[in-house]
Amino acid sequence: MKLMLLLLALLSVQLPSRDSEPTVTLPSNHATITPDYGGKYVQLKNPPAIVNLPKTPPKLLPSGLPWYVDVVNFGPGTVTLQAGTQFSVRLQPKDSVRVVASNSIYRIAH
């Protein structure tokens, strides 16, 4: 039992946390995630049906990492996250996704 508690404690220390990632809420009257949201946890609360990513995928974050956003849809409805015709993903309420800019395209990171 003590070993199990020790293992759980070690695992919880090593799991990534959103505490280090700034959180922003996209205003409900905005339909665009702008490049300055890169590296952030973006909350969608009562979003429009379509939310756009920057038309041109941003290159790098100031840290040197590829540009990304973690997006969560708090509902109440489904939202489509898109970048023109090259990228689209539907998020049901409570769904989340990490979108990464890779070269000149967007992709979902797993």
PDB file of N, CA and C in Angstrom:
ATOM      1  N   MET A   1       0.822  -1.187   0.000  1.00  0.00           N
ATOM      2  CA  MET A   1       0.000   0.000   0.000  1.00  0.00           C
ATOM      3  C   MET A   1       0.870   1.256   0.000  1.00  0.00           C
ATOM      4  N   LYS A   2       1.923   1.245   0.824  1.00  0.00           N
ATOM      5  CA  LYS A   2       2.822   2.395   0.880  1.00  0.00           C
ATOM      6  C   LYS A   2       3.507   2.604  -0.463  1.00  0.00           C
ATOM      7  N   LEU A   3       3.867   1.496  -1.110  1.00  0.00           N
ATOM      8  CA  LEU A   3       4.510   1.581  -2.418  1.00  0.00           C
ATOM      9  C   LEU A   3       3.560   2.218  -3.440  1.00  0.00           C
ATOM     10  N   MET A   4       2.300   1.829  -3.398  1.00  0.00           N
ATOM     11  CA  MET A   4       1.307   2.387  -4.319  1.00  0.00           C
ATOM     12  C   MET A   4       1.149   3.892  -4.096  1.00  0.00           C
ATOM     13  N   LEU A   5       1.097   4.329  -2.859  1.00  0.00           N
ATOM     14  CA  LEU A   5       0.995   5.763  -2.555  1.00  0.00           C
ATOM     15  C   LEU A   5       2.234   6.512  -3.019  1.00  0.00           C
ATOM     16  N   LEU A   6       3.382   5.913  -2.853  1.00  0.00           N
ATOM     17  CA  LEU A   6       4.619   6.540  -3.305  1.00  0.00           C
ATOM     18  C   LEU A   6       4.629   6.679  -4.825  1.00  0.00           C
ATOM     19  N   LEU A   7       4.213   5.630  -5.527  1.00  0.00           N
ATOM     20  CA  LEU A   7       4.149   5.686  -6.987  1.00  0.00           C
ATOM     21  C   LEU A   7       3.162   6.754  -7.460  1.00  0.00           C
ATOM     22  N   LEU A   8       2.011   6.834  -6.831  1.00  0.00           N
ATOM     23  CA  LEU A   8       1.036   7.866  -7.193  1.00  0.00           C
ATOM     24  C   LEU A   8       1.590   9.266  -6.958  1.00  0.00           C
ATOM     25  N   ALA A   9       2.292   9.441  -5.855  1.00  0.00           N
ATOM     26  CA  ALA A   9       2.894  10.743  -5.559  1.00  0.00           C
ATOM     27  C   ALA A   9       3.936  11.105  -6.611  1.00  0.00           C
ATOM     28  N   LEU A  10       4.760  10.155  -7.004  1.00  0.00           N
ATOM     29  CA  LEU A  10       5.769  10.416  -8.027  1.00  0.00           C
ATOM     30  C   LEU A  10       5.133  10.743  -9.372  1.00  0.00           C
ATOM     31  N   LEU A  11       4.087  10.027  -9.743  1.00  0.00           N
ATOM     32  CA  LEU A  11       3.406  10.289 -11.007  1.00  0.00           C
ATOM     33  C   LEU A  11       2.772  11.672 -11.024  1.00  0.00           C
ATOM     34  N   SER A  12       2.165  12.066  -9.925  1.00  0.00           N
ATOM     35  CA  SER A  12       1.502  13.367  -9.907  1.00  0.00           C
ATOM     36  C   SER A  12       2.504  14.506 -10.004  1.00  0.00           C
ATOM     37  N   VAL A  13       3.710  14.309  -9.524  1.00  0.00           N
ATOM     38  CA  VAL A  13       4.741  15.338  -9.638  1.00  0.00           C
ATOM     39  C   VAL A  13       5.187  15.485 -11.086  1.00  0.00           C
ATOM     40  N   GLN A  14       5.186  14.406 -11.865  1.00  0.00           N
ATOM     41  CA  GLN A  14       5.720  14.441 -13.211  1.00  0.00           C
ATOM     42  C   GLN A  14       4.693  14.753 -14.286  1.00  0.00           C
ATOM     43  N   LEU A  15       3.413  14.715 -13.966  1.00  0.00           N
ATOM     44  CA  LEU A  15       2.401  15.007 -14.966  1.00  0.00           C
ATOM     45  C   LEU A  15       2.437  16.483 -15.328  1.00  0.00           C
ATOM     46  N   PRO A  16       2.295  16.796 -16.640  1.00  0.00           N
ATOM     47  CA  PRO A  16       2.284  18.199 -17.025  1.00  0.00           C
ATOM     48  C   PRO A  16       1.066  18.900 -16.452  1.00  0.00           C
ATOM     49  N   SER A  17       1.228  20.167 -16.182  1.00  0.00           N
ATOM     50  CA  SER A  17       0.160  20.941 -15.586  1.00  0.00           C
ATOM     51  C   SER A  17      -0.156  22.162 -16.431  1.00  0.00           C
ATOM     52  N   ARG A  18      -1.426  22.532 -16.493  1.00  0.00           N
ATOM     53  CA  ARG A  18      -1.827  23.742 -17.200  1.00  0.00           C
ATOM     54  C   ARG A  18      -1.454  24.989 -16.399  1.00  0.00           C
ATOM     55  N   ASP A  19      -0.971  24.803 -15.153  1.00  0.00           N
ATOM     56  CA  ASP A  19      -0.608  25.946 -14.332  1.00  0.00           C
ATOM     57  C   ASP A  19       0.505  26.772 -14.971  1.00  0.00           C
ATOM     58  N   SER A  20       1.371  26.123 -15.747  1.00  0.00           N
ATOM     59  CA  SER A  20       2.478  26.840 -16.369  1.00  0.00           C
ATOM     60  C   SER A  20       2.072  27.465 -17.699  1.00  0.00           C
ATOM     61  N   GLU A  21       0.876  27.163 -18.155  1.00  0.00           N
ATOM     62  CA  GLU A  21       0.394  27.647 -19.445  1.00  0.00           C
ATOM     63  C   GLU A  21      -0.642  28.748 -19.196  1.00  0.00           C
ATOM     64  N   PRO A  22      -0.407  29.963 -19.709  1.00  0.00           N
ATOM     65  CA  PRO A  22      -1.377  31.034 -19.490  1.00  0.00           C
ATOM     66  C   PRO A  22      -2.743  30.656 -20.063  1.00  0.00           C
ATOM     67  N   THR A  23      -3.799  31.033 -19.353  1.00  0.00           N
ATOM     68  CA  THR A  23      -5.162  30.754 -19.779  1.00  0.00           C
ATOM     69  C   THR A  23      -5.836  32.046 -20.206  1.00  0.00           C
ATOM     70  N   VAL A  24      -6.486  32.006 -21.358  1.00  0.00           N
ATOM     71  CA  VAL A  24      -7.257  33.152 -21.840  1.00  0.00           C
ATOM     72  C   VAL A  24      -8.633  32.652 -22.257  1.00  0.00           C
ATOM     73  N   THR A  25      -9.609  33.520 -22.158  1.00  0.00           N
ATOM     74  CA  THR A  25     -10.957  33.202 -22.609  1.00  0.00           C
ATOM     75  C   THR A  25     -11.245  34.056 -23.830  1.00  0.00           C
ATOM     76  N   LEU A  26     -11.572  33.396 -24.933  1.00  0.00           N
ATOM     77  CA  LEU A  26     -11.927  34.123 -26.143  1.00  0.00           C
ATOM     78  C   LEU A  26     -13.282  34.778 -25.902  1.00  0.00           C
ATOM     79  N   PRO A  27     -13.364  36.117 -26.040  1.00  0.00           N
ATOM     80  CA  PRO A  27     -14.658  36.774 -25.835  1.00  0.00           C
ATOM     81  C   PRO A  27     -15.714  36.173 -26.765  1.00  0.00           C
ATOM     82  N   SER A  28     -16.935  36.035 -26.272  1.00  0.00           N
ATOM     83  CA  SER A  28     -17.984  35.352 -27.042  1.00  0.00           C
ATOM     84  C   SER A  28     -18.330  36.071 -28.336  1.00  0.00           C
ATOM     85  N   ASN A  29     -17.986  37.354 -28.451  1.00  0.00           N
ATOM     86  CA  ASN A  29     -18.275  38.077 -29.692  1.00  0.00           C
ATOM     87  C   ASN A  29     -17.082  38.078 -30.652  1.00  0.00           C
ATOM     88  N   HIS A  30     -16.032  37.326 -30.318  1.00  0.00           N
ATOM     89  CA  HIS A  30     -14.867  37.213 -31.189  1.00  0.00           C
ATOM     90  C   HIS A  30     -14.861  35.840 -31.855  1.00  0.00           C
ATOM     91  N   ALA A  31     -14.473  35.816 -33.109  1.00  0.00           N
ATOM     92  CA  ALA A  31     -14.468  34.552 -33.846  1.00  0.00           C
ATOM     93  C   ALA A  31     -13.083  34.206 -34.363  1.00  0.00           C
ATOM     94  N   THR A  32     -12.039  34.816 -33.791  1.00  0.00           N
ATOM     95  CA  THR A  32     -10.689  34.559 -34.278  1.00  0.00           C
ATOM     96  C   THR A  32      -9.717  34.378 -33.116  1.00  0.00           C
ATOM     97  N   ILE A  33      -8.922  33.320 -33.206  1.00  0.00           N
ATOM     98  CA  ILE A  33      -7.788  33.132 -32.310  1.00  0.00           C
ATOM     99  C   ILE A  33      -6.608  33.783 -33.011  1.00  0.00           C
ATOM    100  N   THR A  34      -6.049  34.795 -32.413  1.00  0.00           N
ATOM    101  CA  THR A  34      -4.968  35.562 -33.034  1.00  0.00           C
ATOM    102  C   THR A  34      -3.603  34.959 -32.691  1.00  0.00           C
ATOM    103  N   PRO A  35      -2.567  35.306 -33.457  1.00  0.00           N
ATOM    104  CA  PRO A  35      -1.239  34.732 -33.204  1.00  0.00           C
ATOM    105  C   PRO A  35      -0.737  34.936 -31.773  1.00  0.00           C
ATOM    106  N   ASP A  36      -1.143  36.033 -31.111  1.00  0.00           N
ATOM    107  CA  ASP A  36      -0.659  36.281 -29.755  1.00  0.00           C
ATOM    108  C   ASP A  36      -1.253  35.316 -28.725  1.00  0.00           C
ATOM    109  N   TYR A  37      -2.206  34.488 -29.118  1.00  0.00           N
ATOM    110  CA  TYR A  37      -2.741  33.457 -28.232  1.00  0.00           C
ATOM    111  C   TYR A  37      -1.853  32.214 -28.233  1.00  0.00           C
ATOM    112  N   GLY A  38      -0.815  32.196 -29.045  1.00  0.00           N
ATOM    113  CA  GLY A  38       0.083  31.050 -29.138  1.00  0.00           C
ATOM    114  C   GLY A  38       0.687  30.686 -27.795  1.00  0.00           C
ATOM    115  N   GLY A  39       0.759  29.397 -27.523  1.00  0.00           N
ATOM    116  CA  GLY A  39       1.324  28.909 -26.268  1.00  0.00           C
ATOM    117  C   GLY A  39       0.366  29.008 -25.104  1.00  0.00           C
ATOM    118  N   LYS A  40      -0.906  29.316 -25.380  1.00  0.00           N
ATOM    119  CA  LYS A  40      -1.871  29.516 -24.310  1.00  0.00           C
ATOM    120  C   LYS A  40      -2.989  28.478 -24.358  1.00  0.00           C
ATOM    121  N   TYR A  41      -3.660  28.376 -23.234  1.00  0.00           N
ATOM    122  CA  TYR A  41      -4.845  27.541 -23.073  1.00  0.00           C
ATOM    123  C   TYR A  41      -6.038  28.449 -23.327  1.00  0.00           C
ATOM    124  N   VAL A  42      -6.730  28.249 -24.455  1.00  0.00           N
ATOM    125  CA  VAL A  42      -7.809  29.142 -24.873  1.00  0.00           C
ATOM    126  C   VAL A  42      -9.148  28.494 -24.542  1.00  0.00           C
ATOM    127  N   GLN A  43      -9.916  29.176 -23.710  1.00  0.00           N
ATOM    128  CA  GLN A  43     -11.234  28.692 -23.325  1.00  0.00           C
ATOM    129  C   GLN A  43     -12.281  29.341 -24.220  1.00  0.00           C
ATOM    130  N   LEU A  44     -13.160  28.516 -24.774  1.00  0.00           N
ATOM    131  CA  LEU A  44     -14.277  29.017 -25.565  1.00  0.00           C
ATOM    132  C   LEU A  44     -15.536  28.861 -24.724  1.00  0.00           C
ATOM    133  N   LYS A  45     -16.122  29.997 -24.337  1.00  0.00           N
ATOM    134  CA  LYS A  45     -17.350  29.999 -23.545  1.00  0.00           C
ATOM    135  C   LYS A  45     -18.416  30.718 -24.347  1.00  0.00           C
ATOM    136  N   ASN A  46     -19.468  29.991 -24.705  1.00  0.00           N
ATOM    137  CA  ASN A  46     -20.531  30.525 -25.546  1.00  0.00           C
ATOM    138  C   ASN A  46     -19.966  31.080 -26.855  1.00  0.00           C
ATOM    139  N   PRO A  47     -19.169  30.269 -27.558  1.00  0.00           N
ATOM    140  CA  PRO A  47     -18.493  30.766 -28.765  1.00  0.00           C
ATOM    141  C   PRO A  47     -19.429  30.797 -29.967  1.00  0.00           C
ATOM    142  N   PRO A  48     -19.033  31.531 -31.009  1.00  0.00           N
ATOM    143  CA  PRO A  48     -19.774  31.438 -32.264  1.00  0.00           C
ATOM    144  C   PRO A  48     -19.598  30.031 -32.851  1.00  0.00           C
ATOM    145  N   ALA A  49     -20.383  29.688 -33.849  1.00  0.00           N
ATOM    146  CA  ALA A  49     -20.330  28.340 -34.436  1.00  0.00           C
ATOM    147  C   ALA A  49     -18.995  28.055 -35.108  1.00  0.00           C
ATOM    148  N   ILE A  50     -18.312  29.098 -35.606  1.00  0.00           N
ATOM    149  CA  ILE A  50     -17.011  28.940 -36.261  1.00  0.00           C
ATOM    150  C   ILE A  50     -16.017  29.889 -35.616  1.00  0.00           C
ATOM    151  N   VAL A  51     -14.868  29.343 -35.218  1.00  0.00           N
ATOM    152  CA  VAL A  51     -13.766  30.140 -34.688  1.00  0.00           C
ATOM    153  C   VAL A  51     -12.579  29.915 -35.611  1.00  0.00           C
ATOM    154  N   ASN A  52     -12.001  31.003 -36.069  1.00  0.00           N
ATOM    155  CA  ASN A  52     -10.891  30.930 -37.032  1.00  0.00           C
ATOM    156  C   ASN A  52      -9.540  31.007 -36.353  1.00  0.00           C
ATOM    157  N   LEU A  53      -8.611  30.226 -36.886  1.00  0.00           N
ATOM    158  CA  LEU A  53      -7.200  30.337 -36.531  1.00  0.00           C
ATOM    159  C   LEU A  53      -6.583  31.384 -37.452  1.00  0.00           C
ATOM    160  N   PRO A  54      -5.375  31.864 -37.139  1.00  0.00           N
ATOM    161  CA  PRO A  54      -4.731  32.796 -38.066  1.00  0.00           C
ATOM    162  C   PRO A  54      -4.648  32.192 -39.471  1.00  0.00           C
ATOM    163  N   LYS A  55      -4.906  33.008 -40.498  1.00  0.00           N
ATOM    164  CA  LYS A  55      -4.903  32.501 -41.879  1.00  0.00           C
ATOM    165  C   LYS A  55      -3.572  31.880 -42.250  1.00  0.00           C
ATOM    166  N   THR A  56      -2.486  32.553 -41.896  1.00  0.00           N
ATOM    167  CA  THR A  56      -1.142  32.018 -42.127  1.00  0.00           C
ATOM    168  C   THR A  56      -0.639  31.436 -40.816  1.00  0.00           C
ATOM    169  N   PRO A  57      -0.327  30.148 -40.771  1.00  0.00           N
ATOM    170  CA  PRO A  57       0.151  29.558 -39.520  1.00  0.00           C
ATOM    171  C   PRO A  57       1.400  30.282 -39.005  1.00  0.00           C
ATOM    172  N   PRO A  58       1.361  30.754 -37.758  1.00  0.00           N
ATOM    173  CA  PRO A  58       2.536  31.403 -37.182  1.00  0.00           C
ATOM    174  C   PRO A  58       3.721  30.438 -37.113  1.00  0.00           C
ATOM    175  N   LYS A  59       4.909  30.986 -37.120  1.00  0.00           N
ATOM    176  CA  LYS A  59       6.118  30.151 -37.149  1.00  0.00           C
ATOM    177  C   LYS A  59       6.483  29.607 -35.779  1.00  0.00           C
ATOM    178  N   LEU A  60       7.066  30.442 -34.939  1.00  0.00           N
ATOM    179  CA  LEU A  60       7.555  29.987 -33.637  1.00  0.00           C
ATOM    180  C   LEU A  60       7.058  30.897 -32.526  1.00  0.00           C
ATOM    181  N   LEU A  61       6.989  30.322 -31.332  1.00  0.00           N
ATOM    182  CA  LEU A  61       6.728  31.112 -30.140  1.00  0.00           C
ATOM    183  C   LEU A  61       8.027  31.798 -29.725  1.00  0.00           C
ATOM    184  N   PRO A  62       7.959  32.825 -28.889  1.00  0.00           N
ATOM    185  CA  PRO A  62       9.203  33.461 -28.411  1.00  0.00           C
ATOM    186  C   PRO A  62      10.168  32.474 -27.747  1.00  0.00           C
ATOM    187  N   SER A  63       9.633  31.383 -27.209  1.00  0.00           N
ATOM    188  CA  SER A  63      10.484  30.368 -26.572  1.00  0.00           C
ATOM    189  C   SER A  63      11.252  29.527 -27.580  1.00  0.00           C
ATOM    190  N   GLY A  64      10.892  29.655 -28.875  1.00  0.00           N
ATOM    191  CA  GLY A  64      11.524  28.845 -29.909  1.00  0.00           C
ATOM    192  C   GLY A  64      10.753  27.590 -30.251  1.00  0.00           C
ATOM    193  N   LEU A  65       9.719  27.277 -29.488  1.00  0.00           N
ATOM    194  CA  LEU A  65       8.868  26.122 -29.781  1.00  0.00           C
ATOM    195  C   LEU A  65       7.937  26.438 -30.939  1.00  0.00           C
ATOM    196  N   PRO A  66       7.463  25.416 -31.640  1.00  0.00           N
ATOM    197  CA  PRO A  66       6.461  25.667 -32.682  1.00  0.00           C
ATOM    198  C   PRO A  66       5.212  26.303 -32.067  1.00  0.00           C
ATOM    199  N   TRP A  67       4.567  27.181 -32.824  1.00  0.00           N
ATOM    200  CA  TRP A  67       3.350  27.847 -32.353  1.00  0.00           C
ATOM    201  C   TRP A  67       2.265  26.807 -32.129  1.00  0.00           C
ATOM    202  N   TYR A  68       1.533  26.921 -31.008  1.00  0.00           N
ATOM    203  CA  TYR A  68       0.415  26.028 -30.716  1.00  0.00           C
ATOM    204  C   TYR A  68      -0.601  26.757 -29.845  1.00  0.00           C
ATOM    205  N   VAL A  69      -1.807  26.228 -29.818  1.00  0.00           N
ATOM    206  CA  VAL A  69      -2.830  26.640 -28.862  1.00  0.00           C
ATOM    207  C   VAL A  69      -3.538  25.387 -28.368  1.00  0.00           C
ATOM    208  N   ASP A  70      -3.864  25.378 -27.093  1.00  0.00           N
ATOM    209  CA  ASP A  70      -4.725  24.349 -26.522  1.00  0.00           C
ATOM    210  C   ASP A  70      -6.101  24.988 -26.395  1.00  0.00           C
ATOM    211  N   VAL A  71      -7.088  24.394 -27.026  1.00  0.00           N
ATOM    212  CA  VAL A  71      -8.427  24.983 -27.074  1.00  0.00           C
ATOM    213  C   VAL A  71      -9.415  24.034 -26.423  1.00  0.00           C
ATOM    214  N   VAL A  72     -10.269  24.571 -25.546  1.00  0.00           N
ATOM    215  CA  VAL A  72     -11.346  23.784 -24.940  1.00  0.00           C
ATOM    216  C   VAL A  72     -12.664  24.517 -25.174  1.00  0.00           C
ATOM    217  N   ASN A  73     -13.670  23.757 -25.560  1.00  0.00           N
ATOM    218  CA  ASN A  73     -15.002  24.311 -25.792  1.00  0.00           C
ATOM    219  C   ASN A  73     -15.861  24.054 -24.564  1.00  0.00           C
ATOM    220  N   PHE A  74     -16.241  25.128 -23.865  1.00  0.00           N
ATOM    221  CA  PHE A  74     -17.110  25.000 -22.705  1.00  0.00           C
ATOM    222  C   PHE A  74     -18.588  25.092 -23.074  1.00  0.00           C
ATOM    223  N   GLY A  75     -18.871  25.208 -24.384  1.00  0.00           N
ATOM    224  CA  GLY A  75     -20.247  25.171 -24.853  1.00  0.00           C
ATOM    225  C   GLY A  75     -20.969  26.495 -24.696  1.00  0.00           C
ATOM    226  N   PRO A  76     -22.260  26.434 -24.912  1.00  0.00           N
ATOM    227  CA  PRO A  76     -23.111  25.257 -24.860  1.00  0.00           C
ATOM    228  C   PRO A  76     -23.194  24.469 -26.164  1.00  0.00           C
ATOM    229  N   GLY A  77     -22.803  25.041 -27.304  1.00  0.00           N
ATOM    230  CA  GLY A  77     -22.958  24.344 -28.581  1.00  0.00           C
ATOM    231  C   GLY A  77     -21.647  23.857 -29.151  1.00  0.00           C
ATOM    232  N   THR A  78     -21.755  23.166 -30.288  1.00  0.00           N
ATOM    233  CA  THR A  78     -20.593  22.695 -31.028  1.00  0.00           C
ATOM    234  C   THR A  78     -19.931  23.876 -31.727  1.00  0.00           C
ATOM    235  N   VAL A  79     -18.611  23.835 -31.805  1.00  0.00           N
ATOM    236  CA  VAL A  79     -17.868  24.883 -32.502  1.00  0.00           C
ATOM    237  C   VAL A  79     -16.904  24.227 -33.484  1.00  0.00           C
ATOM    238  N   THR A  80     -16.727  24.851 -34.635  1.00  0.00           N
ATOM    239  CA  THR A  80     -15.748  24.394 -35.611  1.00  0.00           C
ATOM    240  C   THR A  80     -14.562  25.334 -35.557  1.00  0.00           C
ATOM    241  N   LEU A  81     -13.401  24.788 -35.310  1.00  0.00           N
ATOM    242  CA  LEU A  81     -12.148  25.537 -35.306  1.00  0.00           C
ATOM    243  C   LEU A  81     -11.544  25.347 -36.681  1.00  0.00           C
ATOM    244  N   GLN A  82     -11.295  26.450 -37.410  1.00  0.00           N
ATOM    245  CA  GLN A  82     -10.832  26.290 -38.788  1.00  0.00           C
ATOM    246  C   GLN A  82      -9.792  27.329 -39.169  1.00  0.00           C
ATOM    247  N   ALA A  83      -9.073  26.978 -40.239  1.00  0.00           N
ATOM    248  CA  ALA A  83      -8.112  27.885 -40.874  1.00  0.00           C
ATOM    249  C   ALA A  83      -8.342  27.772 -42.374  1.00  0.00           C
ATOM    250  N   GLY A  84      -9.214  28.627 -42.894  1.00  0.00           N
ATOM    251  CA  GLY A  84      -9.537  28.562 -44.320  1.00  0.00           C
ATOM    252  C   GLY A  84     -10.047  27.186 -44.685  1.00  0.00           C
ATOM    253  N   THR A  85      -9.550  26.666 -45.807  1.00  0.00           N
ATOM    254  CA  THR A  85      -9.966  25.327 -46.242  1.00  0.00           C
ATOM    255  C   THR A  85      -8.943  24.260 -45.885  1.00  0.00           C
ATOM    256  N   GLN A  86      -7.801  24.665 -45.317  1.00  0.00           N
ATOM    257  CA  GLN A  86      -6.732  23.705 -45.053  1.00  0.00           C
ATOM    258  C   GLN A  86      -6.885  22.932 -43.743  1.00  0.00           C
ATOM    259  N   PHE A  87      -7.662  23.451 -42.785  1.00  0.00           N
ATOM    260  CA  PHE A  87      -7.745  22.796 -41.485  1.00  0.00           C
ATOM    261  C   PHE A  87      -9.112  23.055 -40.877  1.00  0.00           C
ATOM    262  N   SER A  88      -9.697  22.012 -40.284  1.00  0.00           N
ATOM    263  CA  SER A  88     -10.983  22.149 -39.618  1.00  0.00           C
ATOM    264  C   SER A  88     -11.138  21.020 -38.610  1.00  0.00           C
ATOM    265  N   VAL A  89     -11.629  21.364 -37.422  1.00  0.00           N
ATOM    266  CA  VAL A  89     -11.922  20.358 -36.404  1.00  0.00           C
ATOM    267  C   VAL A  89     -13.150  20.833 -35.620  1.00  0.00           C
ATOM    268  N   ARG A  90     -14.070  19.892 -35.381  1.00  0.00           N
ATOM    269  CA  ARG A  90     -15.286  20.201 -34.618  1.00  0.00           C
ATOM    270  C   ARG A  90     -15.072  19.830 -33.163  1.00  0.00           C
ATOM    271  N   LEU A  91     -15.480  20.749 -32.295  1.00  0.00           N
ATOM    272  CA  LEU A  91     -15.375  20.508 -30.864  1.00  0.00           C
ATOM    273  C   LEU A  91     -16.763  20.529 -30.239  1.00  0.00           C
ATOM    274  N   GLN A  92     -17.139  19.408 -29.666  1.00  0.00           N
ATOM    275  CA  GLN A  92     -18.373  19.347 -28.889  1.00  0.00           C
ATOM    276  C   GLN A  92     -18.103  20.007 -27.537  1.00  0.00           C
ATOM    277  N   PRO A  93     -19.129  20.373 -26.797  1.00  0.00           N
ATOM    278  CA  PRO A  93     -18.890  20.902 -25.452  1.00  0.00           C
ATOM    279  C   PRO A  93     -18.028  19.940 -24.633  1.00  0.00           C
ATOM    280  N   LYS A  94     -17.073  20.497 -23.951  1.00  0.00           N
ATOM    281  CA  LYS A  94     -16.090  19.803 -23.098  1.00  0.00           C
ATOM    282  C   LYS A  94     -14.947  19.162 -23.886  1.00  0.00           C
ATOM    283  N   ASP A  95     -14.966  19.195 -25.215  1.00  0.00           N
ATOM    284  CA  ASP A  95     -13.848  18.691 -26.016  1.00  0.00           C
ATOM    285  C   ASP A  95     -12.682  19.677 -25.948  1.00  0.00           C
ATOM    286  N   SER A  96     -11.487  19.138 -26.058  1.00  0.00           N
ATOM    287  CA  SER A  96     -10.299  19.985 -26.133  1.00  0.00           C
ATOM    288  C   SER A  96      -9.354  19.430 -27.185  1.00  0.00           C
ATOM    289  N   VAL A  97      -8.485  20.301 -27.693  1.00  0.00           N
ATOM    290  CA  VAL A  97      -7.558  19.910 -28.739  1.00  0.00           C
ATOM    291  C   VAL A  97      -6.323  20.818 -28.672  1.00  0.00           C
ATOM    292  N   ARG A  98      -5.180  20.261 -29.028  1.00  0.00           N
ATOM    293  CA  ARG A  98      -3.967  21.074 -29.213  1.00  0.00           C
ATOM    294  C   ARG A  98      -3.742  21.185 -30.711  1.00  0.00           C
ATOM    295  N   VAL A  99      -3.705  22.408 -31.190  1.00  0.00           N
ATOM    296  CA  VAL A  99      -3.457  22.692 -32.600  1.00  0.00           C
ATOM    297  C   VAL A  99      -2.055  23.271 -32.700  1.00  0.00           C
ATOM    298  N   VAL A 100      -1.240  22.670 -33.573  1.00  0.00           N
ATOM    299  CA  VAL A 100       0.152  23.076 -33.751  1.00  0.00           C
ATOM    300  C   VAL A 100       0.347  23.558 -35.181  1.00  0.00           C
ATOM    301  N   ALA A 101       1.067  24.669 -35.326  1.00  0.00           N
ATOM    302  CA  ALA A 101       1.465  25.141 -36.651  1.00  0.00           C
ATOM    303  C   ALA A 101       2.754  24.429 -37.011  1.00  0.00           C
ATOM    304  N   SER A 102       2.721  23.696 -38.110  1.00  0.00           N
ATOM    305  CA  SER A 102       3.871  22.934 -38.539  1.00  0.00           C
ATOM    306  C   SER A 102       4.198  23.329 -39.968  1.00  0.00           C
ATOM    307  N   ASN A 103       5.296  24.033 -40.145  1.00  0.00           N
ATOM    308  CA  ASN A 103       5.675  24.607 -41.443  1.00  0.00           C
ATOM    309  C   ASN A 103       4.555  25.552 -41.888  1.00  0.00           C
ATOM    310  N   SER A 104       3.846  25.228 -42.930  1.00  0.00           N
ATOM    311  CA  SER A 104       2.794  26.139 -43.406  1.00  0.00           C
ATOM    312  C   SER A 104       1.394  25.548 -43.234  1.00  0.00           C
ATOM    313  N   ILE A 105       1.265  24.545 -42.343  1.00  0.00           N
ATOM    314  CA  ILE A 105      -0.041  23.929 -42.115  1.00  0.00           C
ATOM    315  C   ILE A 105      -0.315  23.801 -40.615  1.00  0.00           C
ATOM    316  N   TYR A 106      -1.561  23.540 -40.290  1.00  0.00           N
ATOM    317  CA  TYR A 106      -1.951  23.226 -38.919  1.00  0.00           C
ATOM    318  C   TYR A 106      -2.154  21.723 -38.813  1.00  0.00           C
ATOM    319  N   ARG A 107      -1.914  21.200 -37.611  1.00  0.00           N
ATOM    320  CA  ARG A 107      -2.177  19.792 -37.355  1.00  0.00           C
ATOM    321  C   ARG A 107      -2.592  19.653 -35.899  1.00  0.00           C
ATOM    322  N   ILE A 108      -3.236  18.543 -35.601  1.00  0.00           N
ATOM    323  CA  ILE A 108      -3.630  18.243 -34.233  1.00  0.00           C
ATOM    324  C   ILE A 108      -2.512  17.430 -33.605  1.00  0.00           C
ATOM    325  N   ALA A 109      -2.051  17.851 -32.449  1.00  0.00           N
ATOM    326  CA  ALA A 109      -1.015  17.110 -31.720  1.00  0.00           C
ATOM    327  C   ALA A 109      -1.707  16.142 -30.768  1.00  0.00           C
ATOM    328  N   HIS A 110      -1.210  14.929 -30.735  1.00  0.00           N
ATOM    329  CA  HIS A 110      -1.801  13.904 -29.867  1.00  0.00           C
ATOM    330  C   HIS A 110      -0.891  13.638 -28.704  1.00  0.00           C
TER     331      HIS A 110
END
